[in-house]
Amino acid sequence: MAETFEPKIVSFLCNWCSYAGADLAGTSRIEYPQNIRIIRVPCSGRVDPLFVVKAFLDGADGVMVLGCHPGDCHYQQGNYHAQRRYLVMHKLMDFIGVESDRLYIDWVSASEGKRFAEVVTNFTQRVRKIGPLVIIRDPHALEVKLDEVTA
């Protein structure tokens, strides 16, 4: 009997909206896949692209960044910064050889527990279809690339 692949997904959730939306989903007993590991951040705009790379290098099959809806950020411009970084993150993923479909960014407010569950479910299904992330490369070469990016 073949074992079904269950992806490991790291989710960066903004403290003010997306994390509260996840909490609402939990307190409302709305079911969603348990594949996600939540990292609570002050703002989606604070998610450095290198955090995303580190998550993949540490074994994540997918990464989600969820924040406040544009215009509703507690830090005024944070989610706009996250949106611009999204393009950089995809280019960085191509640079290190990871499919860009493994990264997802979206907006979930504190009152959207059901939407949070839908977003997590859809992304988990997408990563499940892609399959496990296999990074086979020279660790030293990857380290050099990451040093170039950070410089």
N, C-alpha and C. Protein backbone atom coordinates (compact mmCIF):
# COMPACT_ATOMS: atom_id res chain seq x y z
N MET A 1 0.84 -1.19 0.00
CA MET A 1 0.00 0.00 0.00
C MET A 1 0.88 1.25 0.00
N ALA A 2 0.72 2.09 -0.99
CA ALA A 2 1.55 3.29 -1.13
C ALA A 2 1.18 4.32 -0.06
N GLU A 3 2.21 4.94 0.46
CA GLU A 3 1.99 5.97 1.48
C GLU A 3 1.69 7.30 0.79
N THR A 4 0.68 8.01 1.26
CA THR A 4 0.31 9.31 0.69
C THR A 4 1.27 10.37 1.19
N PHE A 5 1.74 11.19 0.28
CA PHE A 5 2.63 12.29 0.63
C PHE A 5 1.86 13.38 1.37
N GLU A 6 2.35 13.76 2.52
CA GLU A 6 1.77 14.86 3.28
C GLU A 6 2.82 15.96 3.39
N PRO A 7 2.58 17.09 2.74
CA PRO A 7 3.58 18.16 2.72
C PRO A 7 3.76 18.84 4.06
N LYS A 8 4.97 19.32 4.27
CA LYS A 8 5.28 20.17 5.42
C LYS A 8 5.22 21.61 4.92
N ILE A 9 4.37 22.39 5.55
CA ILE A 9 4.17 23.77 5.10
C ILE A 9 4.44 24.73 6.26
N VAL A 10 5.33 25.68 6.00
CA VAL A 10 5.63 26.73 6.97
C VAL A 10 4.78 27.93 6.61
N SER A 11 4.07 28.47 7.60
CA SER A 11 3.16 29.59 7.37
C SER A 11 3.57 30.78 8.24
N PHE A 12 3.95 31.86 7.59
CA PHE A 12 4.25 33.10 8.29
C PHE A 12 2.95 33.90 8.35
N LEU A 13 2.43 34.11 9.55
CA LEU A 13 1.14 34.80 9.72
C LEU A 13 1.34 36.10 10.48
N CYS A 14 0.75 37.16 9.93
CA CYS A 14 0.80 38.45 10.60
C CYS A 14 0.02 38.37 11.92
N ASN A 15 0.56 38.95 12.94
CA ASN A 15 -0.02 38.89 14.28
C ASN A 15 -1.44 39.45 14.33
N TRP A 16 -1.69 40.53 13.60
CA TRP A 16 -2.93 41.28 13.78
C TRP A 16 -4.11 40.72 13.02
N CYS A 17 -3.87 40.12 11.87
CA CYS A 17 -4.99 39.65 11.06
C CYS A 17 -4.96 38.15 10.82
N SER A 18 -3.97 37.68 10.10
CA SER A 18 -3.95 36.27 9.69
C SER A 18 -3.85 35.32 10.87
N TYR A 19 -3.03 35.67 11.86
CA TYR A 19 -2.91 34.81 13.04
C TYR A 19 -4.25 34.78 13.78
N ALA A 20 -4.90 35.93 13.87
CA ALA A 20 -6.21 35.98 14.52
C ALA A 20 -7.25 35.22 13.70
N GLY A 21 -7.12 35.24 12.36
CA GLY A 21 -8.01 34.45 11.50
C GLY A 21 -7.81 32.95 11.73
N ALA A 22 -6.55 32.54 11.92
CA ALA A 22 -6.26 31.14 12.22
C ALA A 22 -6.84 30.76 13.58
N ASP A 23 -6.73 31.67 14.53
CA ASP A 23 -7.30 31.43 15.86
C ASP A 23 -8.82 31.30 15.78
N LEU A 24 -9.45 32.16 14.99
CA LEU A 24 -10.90 32.09 14.82
C LEU A 24 -11.30 30.76 14.18
N ALA A 25 -10.54 30.31 13.19
CA ALA A 25 -10.83 29.01 12.57
C ALA A 25 -10.76 27.90 13.62
N GLY A 26 -9.77 27.98 14.49
CA GLY A 26 -9.63 26.97 15.53
C GLY A 26 -10.74 27.02 16.56
N THR A 27 -11.05 28.21 17.04
CA THR A 27 -12.10 28.32 18.06
C THR A 27 -13.48 28.03 17.50
N SER A 28 -13.64 28.22 16.17
CA SER A 28 -14.91 27.91 15.52
C SER A 28 -14.98 26.44 15.08
N ARG A 29 -13.92 25.72 15.35
CA ARG A 29 -13.81 24.29 14.99
C ARG A 29 -13.97 24.05 13.49
N ILE A 30 -13.40 24.98 12.72
CA ILE A 30 -13.39 24.81 11.27
C ILE A 30 -12.17 23.96 10.94
N GLU A 31 -12.40 22.86 10.24
CA GLU A 31 -11.31 21.94 9.96
C GLU A 31 -10.48 22.40 8.77
N TYR A 32 -9.17 22.21 8.89
CA TYR A 32 -8.23 22.46 7.80
C TYR A 32 -7.05 21.52 8.01
N PRO A 33 -6.27 21.26 6.96
CA PRO A 33 -5.16 20.32 7.09
C PRO A 33 -4.18 20.73 8.19
N GLN A 34 -3.65 19.74 8.85
CA GLN A 34 -2.72 19.99 9.95
C GLN A 34 -1.27 20.03 9.48
N ASN A 35 -1.09 20.23 8.20
CA ASN A 35 0.25 20.23 7.62
C ASN A 35 1.03 21.50 7.90
N ILE A 36 0.36 22.55 8.34
CA ILE A 36 1.05 23.83 8.49
C ILE A 36 1.70 23.97 9.86
N ARG A 37 2.82 24.66 9.84
CA ARG A 37 3.52 25.04 11.05
C ARG A 37 3.54 26.56 11.04
N ILE A 38 2.89 27.15 12.03
CA ILE A 38 2.70 28.60 12.04
C ILE A 38 3.86 29.30 12.73
N ILE A 39 4.33 30.35 12.05
CA ILE A 39 5.30 31.26 12.64
C ILE A 39 4.62 32.62 12.68
N ARG A 40 4.41 33.11 13.88
CA ARG A 40 3.71 34.38 14.09
C ARG A 40 4.72 35.51 13.94
N VAL A 41 4.42 36.44 13.03
CA VAL A 41 5.31 37.58 12.80
C VAL A 41 4.53 38.87 13.06
N PRO A 42 5.21 39.95 13.42
CA PRO A 42 4.49 41.19 13.70
C PRO A 42 3.71 41.70 12.49
N CYS A 43 4.26 41.46 11.28
CA CYS A 43 3.65 41.97 10.05
C CYS A 43 4.17 41.14 8.88
N SER A 44 3.33 40.94 7.88
CA SER A 44 3.78 40.19 6.70
C SER A 44 4.93 40.91 6.00
N GLY A 45 5.02 42.20 6.16
CA GLY A 45 6.11 42.98 5.58
C GLY A 45 7.45 42.71 6.22
N ARG A 46 7.45 42.03 7.35
CA ARG A 46 8.70 41.71 8.05
C ARG A 46 9.27 40.36 7.64
N VAL A 47 8.60 39.65 6.73
CA VAL A 47 9.07 38.33 6.30
C VAL A 47 10.16 38.54 5.25
N ASP A 48 11.38 38.34 5.67
CA ASP A 48 12.54 38.48 4.81
C ASP A 48 12.56 37.31 3.81
N PRO A 49 12.89 37.57 2.55
CA PRO A 49 12.98 36.46 1.59
C PRO A 49 13.92 35.34 2.04
N LEU A 50 14.93 35.68 2.81
CA LEU A 50 15.84 34.64 3.30
C LEU A 50 15.16 33.72 4.32
N PHE A 51 14.12 34.22 5.02
CA PHE A 51 13.35 33.34 5.91
C PHE A 51 12.67 32.25 5.09
N VAL A 52 12.18 32.63 3.92
CA VAL A 52 11.51 31.68 3.03
C VAL A 52 12.51 30.64 2.56
N VAL A 53 13.68 31.09 2.12
CA VAL A 53 14.72 30.17 1.66
C VAL A 53 15.12 29.23 2.78
N LYS A 54 15.31 29.77 3.97
CA LYS A 54 15.69 28.94 5.13
C LYS A 54 14.64 27.88 5.42
N ALA A 55 13.37 28.24 5.30
CA ALA A 55 12.30 27.26 5.53
C ALA A 55 12.42 26.10 4.55
N PHE A 56 12.67 26.41 3.27
CA PHE A 56 12.83 25.35 2.28
C PHE A 56 14.07 24.51 2.56
N LEU A 57 15.16 25.16 2.93
CA LEU A 57 16.38 24.42 3.22
C LEU A 57 16.24 23.53 4.44
N ASP A 58 15.35 23.93 5.35
CA ASP A 58 15.13 23.15 6.58
C ASP A 58 14.05 22.08 6.41
N GLY A 59 13.57 21.88 5.17
CA GLY A 59 12.67 20.75 4.92
C GLY A 59 11.23 21.07 4.60
N ALA A 60 10.88 22.34 4.47
CA ALA A 60 9.49 22.67 4.11
C ALA A 60 9.25 22.32 2.64
N ASP A 61 8.06 21.82 2.35
CA ASP A 61 7.66 21.55 0.98
C ASP A 61 6.92 22.73 0.37
N GLY A 62 6.42 23.63 1.23
CA GLY A 62 5.72 24.82 0.79
C GLY A 62 5.79 25.89 1.87
N VAL A 63 5.68 27.14 1.45
CA VAL A 63 5.71 28.27 2.39
C VAL A 63 4.57 29.22 2.04
N MET A 64 3.82 29.62 3.06
CA MET A 64 2.75 30.61 2.92
C MET A 64 3.12 31.86 3.71
N VAL A 65 2.78 33.01 3.14
CA VAL A 65 2.90 34.28 3.86
C VAL A 65 1.51 34.90 3.81
N LEU A 66 0.89 35.05 4.97
CA LEU A 66 -0.46 35.61 5.04
C LEU A 66 -0.43 36.87 5.89
N GLY A 67 -1.09 37.91 5.39
CA GLY A 67 -1.10 39.18 6.10
C GLY A 67 -2.46 39.85 6.04
N CYS A 68 -2.50 41.07 6.54
CA CYS A 68 -3.72 41.88 6.52
C CYS A 68 -4.05 42.25 5.07
N HIS A 69 -5.31 42.49 4.80
CA HIS A 69 -5.70 42.94 3.47
C HIS A 69 -5.03 44.29 3.18
N PRO A 70 -4.64 44.52 1.93
CA PRO A 70 -4.04 45.81 1.59
C PRO A 70 -4.95 46.97 2.02
N GLY A 71 -4.34 47.94 2.67
CA GLY A 71 -5.09 49.08 3.20
C GLY A 71 -5.49 48.91 4.65
N ASP A 72 -5.37 47.69 5.20
CA ASP A 72 -5.76 47.43 6.58
C ASP A 72 -4.59 47.09 7.50
N CYS A 73 -3.38 47.31 7.04
CA CYS A 73 -2.19 46.94 7.82
C CYS A 73 -2.06 47.83 9.06
N HIS A 74 -1.78 47.21 10.20
CA HIS A 74 -1.57 47.96 11.43
C HIS A 74 -0.30 48.82 11.36
N TYR A 75 0.59 48.45 10.45
CA TYR A 75 1.82 49.22 10.26
C TYR A 75 1.75 50.03 8.97
N GLN A 76 0.57 50.29 8.49
CA GLN A 76 0.22 51.14 7.35
C GLN A 76 0.68 50.61 6.00
N GLN A 77 1.94 50.30 5.83
CA GLN A 77 2.47 49.90 4.52
C GLN A 77 3.04 48.49 4.50
N GLY A 78 2.98 47.78 5.59
CA GLY A 78 3.64 46.48 5.71
C GLY A 78 3.22 45.46 4.66
N ASN A 79 1.92 45.36 4.43
CA ASN A 79 1.47 44.36 3.46
C ASN A 79 1.83 44.76 2.03
N TYR A 80 1.97 46.05 1.77
CA TYR A 80 2.43 46.48 0.45
C TYR A 80 3.90 46.08 0.25
N HIS A 81 4.69 46.19 1.32
CA HIS A 81 6.08 45.73 1.25
C HIS A 81 6.13 44.23 0.98
N ALA A 82 5.27 43.49 1.67
CA ALA A 82 5.21 42.03 1.47
C ALA A 82 4.85 41.70 0.03
N GLN A 83 3.90 42.43 -0.52
CA GLN A 83 3.46 42.19 -1.89
C GLN A 83 4.60 42.41 -2.88
N ARG A 84 5.40 43.46 -2.66
CA ARG A 84 6.54 43.73 -3.54
C ARG A 84 7.62 42.66 -3.36
N ARG A 85 7.82 42.23 -2.13
CA ARG A 85 8.82 41.19 -1.87
C ARG A 85 8.44 39.86 -2.49
N TYR A 86 7.16 39.65 -2.69
CA TYR A 86 6.67 38.41 -3.29
C TYR A 86 7.37 38.14 -4.63
N LEU A 87 7.50 39.18 -5.45
CA LEU A 87 8.19 39.03 -6.73
C LEU A 87 9.66 38.68 -6.52
N VAL A 88 10.29 39.33 -5.55
CA VAL A 88 11.68 39.03 -5.23
C VAL A 88 11.81 37.59 -4.73
N MET A 89 10.88 37.17 -3.90
CA MET A 89 10.94 35.82 -3.36
C MET A 89 10.85 34.78 -4.47
N HIS A 90 9.99 35.02 -5.46
CA HIS A 90 9.88 34.07 -6.57
C HIS A 90 11.17 34.01 -7.38
N LYS A 91 11.78 35.16 -7.63
CA LYS A 91 13.05 35.18 -8.35
C LYS A 91 14.13 34.48 -7.55
N LEU A 92 14.12 34.68 -6.26
CA LEU A 92 15.10 34.03 -5.39
C LEU A 92 14.91 32.51 -5.41
N MET A 93 13.67 32.08 -5.44
CA MET A 93 13.39 30.64 -5.49
C MET A 93 13.89 30.05 -6.81
N ASP A 94 13.65 30.74 -7.91
CA ASP A 94 14.18 30.28 -9.20
C ASP A 94 15.71 30.19 -9.14
N PHE A 95 16.31 31.16 -8.49
CA PHE A 95 17.76 31.22 -8.37
C PHE A 95 18.32 30.01 -7.63
N ILE A 96 17.61 29.56 -6.58
CA ILE A 96 18.11 28.41 -5.82
C ILE A 96 17.53 27.09 -6.32
N GLY A 97 16.65 27.13 -7.32
CA GLY A 97 16.15 25.91 -7.93
C GLY A 97 14.92 25.30 -7.28
N VAL A 98 14.05 26.13 -6.71
CA VAL A 98 12.81 25.65 -6.09
C VAL A 98 11.63 26.19 -6.91
N GLU A 99 10.65 25.32 -7.21
CA GLU A 99 9.49 25.74 -7.99
C GLU A 99 8.75 26.88 -7.29
N SER A 100 8.41 27.91 -8.04
CA SER A 100 7.77 29.08 -7.43
C SER A 100 6.35 28.79 -6.95
N ASP A 101 5.72 27.71 -7.43
CA ASP A 101 4.38 27.34 -6.95
C ASP A 101 4.38 26.89 -5.49
N ARG A 102 5.55 26.68 -4.94
CA ARG A 102 5.65 26.25 -3.55
C ARG A 102 5.56 27.43 -2.57
N LEU A 103 5.47 28.63 -3.10
CA LEU A 103 5.35 29.83 -2.28
C LEU A 103 4.01 30.49 -2.58
N TYR A 104 3.30 30.89 -1.52
CA TYR A 104 1.98 31.49 -1.69
C TYR A 104 1.84 32.66 -0.73
N ILE A 105 1.32 33.76 -1.24
CA ILE A 105 1.05 34.92 -0.40
C ILE A 105 -0.41 35.31 -0.59
N ASP A 106 -1.06 35.67 0.50
CA ASP A 106 -2.47 36.06 0.43
C ASP A 106 -2.81 36.90 1.65
N TRP A 107 -4.04 37.37 1.68
CA TRP A 107 -4.51 38.27 2.73
C TRP A 107 -5.70 37.63 3.42
N VAL A 108 -5.65 37.55 4.74
CA VAL A 108 -6.72 36.98 5.55
C VAL A 108 -6.90 37.87 6.77
N SER A 109 -8.11 38.37 6.97
CA SER A 109 -8.35 39.25 8.12
C SER A 109 -8.70 38.43 9.36
N ALA A 110 -8.76 39.10 10.49
CA ALA A 110 -9.06 38.46 11.76
C ALA A 110 -10.45 37.84 11.80
N SER A 111 -11.35 38.34 10.98
CA SER A 111 -12.73 37.84 10.99
C SER A 111 -12.96 36.75 9.94
N GLU A 112 -11.90 36.31 9.27
CA GLU A 112 -12.05 35.36 8.18
C GLU A 112 -11.50 33.97 8.52
N GLY A 113 -12.03 33.39 9.56
CA GLY A 113 -11.59 32.04 9.95
C GLY A 113 -11.89 31.01 8.87
N LYS A 114 -13.06 31.11 8.27
CA LYS A 114 -13.43 30.17 7.20
C LYS A 114 -12.51 30.35 6.00
N ARG A 115 -12.23 31.59 5.64
CA ARG A 115 -11.33 31.86 4.53
C ARG A 115 -9.93 31.33 4.82
N PHE A 116 -9.46 31.49 6.06
CA PHE A 116 -8.15 30.95 6.44
C PHE A 116 -8.10 29.45 6.16
N ALA A 117 -9.13 28.75 6.60
CA ALA A 117 -9.17 27.30 6.40
C ALA A 117 -9.17 26.95 4.91
N GLU A 118 -9.89 27.72 4.10
CA GLU A 118 -9.93 27.47 2.66
C GLU A 118 -8.56 27.71 2.02
N VAL A 119 -7.89 28.78 2.41
CA VAL A 119 -6.57 29.11 1.86
C VAL A 119 -5.58 28.00 2.19
N VAL A 120 -5.57 27.56 3.45
CA VAL A 120 -4.66 26.50 3.88
C VAL A 120 -4.97 25.20 3.14
N THR A 121 -6.23 24.87 3.02
CA THR A 121 -6.64 23.64 2.34
C THR A 121 -6.22 23.66 0.88
N ASN A 122 -6.49 24.75 0.20
CA ASN A 122 -6.14 24.86 -1.23
C ASN A 122 -4.64 24.79 -1.45
N PHE A 123 -3.88 25.49 -0.62
CA PHE A 123 -2.43 25.48 -0.79
C PHE A 123 -1.85 24.10 -0.46
N THR A 124 -2.36 23.46 0.57
CA THR A 124 -1.89 22.12 0.92
C THR A 124 -2.15 21.15 -0.23
N GLN A 125 -3.33 21.24 -0.84
CA GLN A 125 -3.64 20.37 -1.98
C GLN A 125 -2.70 20.65 -3.15
N ARG A 126 -2.41 21.93 -3.37
CA ARG A 126 -1.50 22.29 -4.47
C ARG A 126 -0.11 21.71 -4.25
N VAL A 127 0.41 21.85 -3.04
CA VAL A 127 1.75 21.33 -2.74
C VAL A 127 1.74 19.80 -2.77
N ARG A 128 0.66 19.20 -2.33
CA ARG A 128 0.55 17.74 -2.37
C ARG A 128 0.66 17.24 -3.81
N LYS A 129 0.03 17.97 -4.76
CA LYS A 129 0.09 17.59 -6.18
C LYS A 129 1.50 17.76 -6.75
N ILE A 130 2.20 18.81 -6.32
CA ILE A 130 3.56 19.05 -6.80
C ILE A 130 4.49 17.93 -6.32
N GLY A 131 4.28 17.49 -5.08
CA GLY A 131 5.11 16.43 -4.52
C GLY A 131 6.16 16.98 -3.58
N PRO A 132 6.92 16.07 -2.99
CA PRO A 132 7.93 16.51 -2.02
C PRO A 132 9.03 17.34 -2.68
N LEU A 133 9.55 18.28 -1.91
CA LEU A 133 10.66 19.10 -2.39
C LEU A 133 11.94 18.30 -2.22
N VAL A 134 12.65 18.17 -3.32
CA VAL A 134 13.93 17.47 -3.27
C VAL A 134 14.99 18.46 -3.71
N ILE A 135 15.83 18.82 -2.78
CA ILE A 135 16.93 19.73 -3.10
C ILE A 135 18.20 18.89 -3.16
N ILE A 136 18.61 18.61 -4.40
CA ILE A 136 19.84 17.86 -4.60
C ILE A 136 20.81 18.79 -5.31
N ARG A 137 21.73 19.27 -4.57
CA ARG A 137 22.74 20.17 -5.14
C ARG A 137 23.92 20.23 -4.20
N ASP A 138 24.96 20.80 -4.66
CA ASP A 138 26.16 20.98 -3.86
C ASP A 138 25.87 22.00 -2.77
N PRO A 139 25.94 21.58 -1.49
CA PRO A 139 25.65 22.53 -0.41
C PRO A 139 26.56 23.76 -0.44
N HIS A 140 27.81 23.56 -0.84
CA HIS A 140 28.73 24.69 -0.90
C HIS A 140 28.30 25.69 -1.97
N ALA A 141 27.86 25.19 -3.13
CA ALA A 141 27.40 26.07 -4.22
C ALA A 141 26.18 26.86 -3.78
N LEU A 142 25.27 26.20 -3.07
CA LEU A 142 24.09 26.90 -2.57
C LEU A 142 24.47 27.95 -1.56
N GLU A 143 25.42 27.63 -0.70
CA GLU A 143 25.89 28.59 0.30
C GLU A 143 26.49 29.82 -0.38
N VAL A 144 27.24 29.60 -1.45
CA VAL A 144 27.84 30.71 -2.19
C VAL A 144 26.73 31.58 -2.79
N LYS A 145 25.70 30.95 -3.37
CA LYS A 145 24.59 31.72 -3.95
C LYS A 145 23.89 32.56 -2.88
N LEU A 146 23.65 31.96 -1.73
CA LEU A 146 22.98 32.68 -0.65
C LEU A 146 23.86 33.84 -0.14
N ASP A 147 25.16 33.63 -0.09
CA ASP A 147 26.08 34.72 0.29
C ASP A 147 26.00 35.86 -0.71
N GLU A 148 25.88 35.50 -2.01
CA GLU A 148 25.75 36.55 -3.04
C GLU A 148 24.47 37.34 -2.84
N VAL A 149 23.38 36.64 -2.51
CA VAL A 149 22.10 37.31 -2.32
C VAL A 149 22.15 38.23 -1.11
N THR A 150 22.73 37.77 -0.01
CA THR A 150 22.76 38.58 1.19
C THR A 150 23.71 39.77 1.05
N ALA A 151 24.71 39.66 0.19
CA ALA A 151 25.65 40.76 -0.02
C ALA A 151 24.95 41.82 -0.84
